[in-house]
Amino acid sequence: MRSKQLTFTPGFRLGPATARAQVAEMVLERGGAEGGPDNAHRGAAQWLYVLAGSGVAVVEGRRRPLRRGSLVLIEAGERHEIRNTGRALLKTLVFYAPPAYRSNDARLPRGRP
């Protein structure tokens, strides 16, 4: 068993991973964004779950509102950006399958360890 205490303070931090999946916490400040028109994980699907706050996910040009309880599946290779459009921190828990990052936050070329 592995565990980690998550802090949910602004930034992106990786959590425990296996050969098949990886978790991260991503917290965006008011007006903040992560990703962009060229951001994609070629070999990994991404599930983004909103714990608190509000914002928008732009996936392949389509906008989806985000609020507490929202769950968005971003398929492998889909270009995406997450934006905080609310007044408070946008706190999210993100799962990748297979892993999308090395332990030093370097993105894996095809989502594989």
Foldseek 3Di string as FASTA:
>chain_A
DDDDDDDQDADKAWDDADQWKTKIKHKAFAFGKDFDQPDFQQAKKKKKAWQAAWWWKQWQNDIDIDGHGDIDIHGHPIGIMTTGNGNGMTIIMMMITQAQADNVRHGDNNSGD
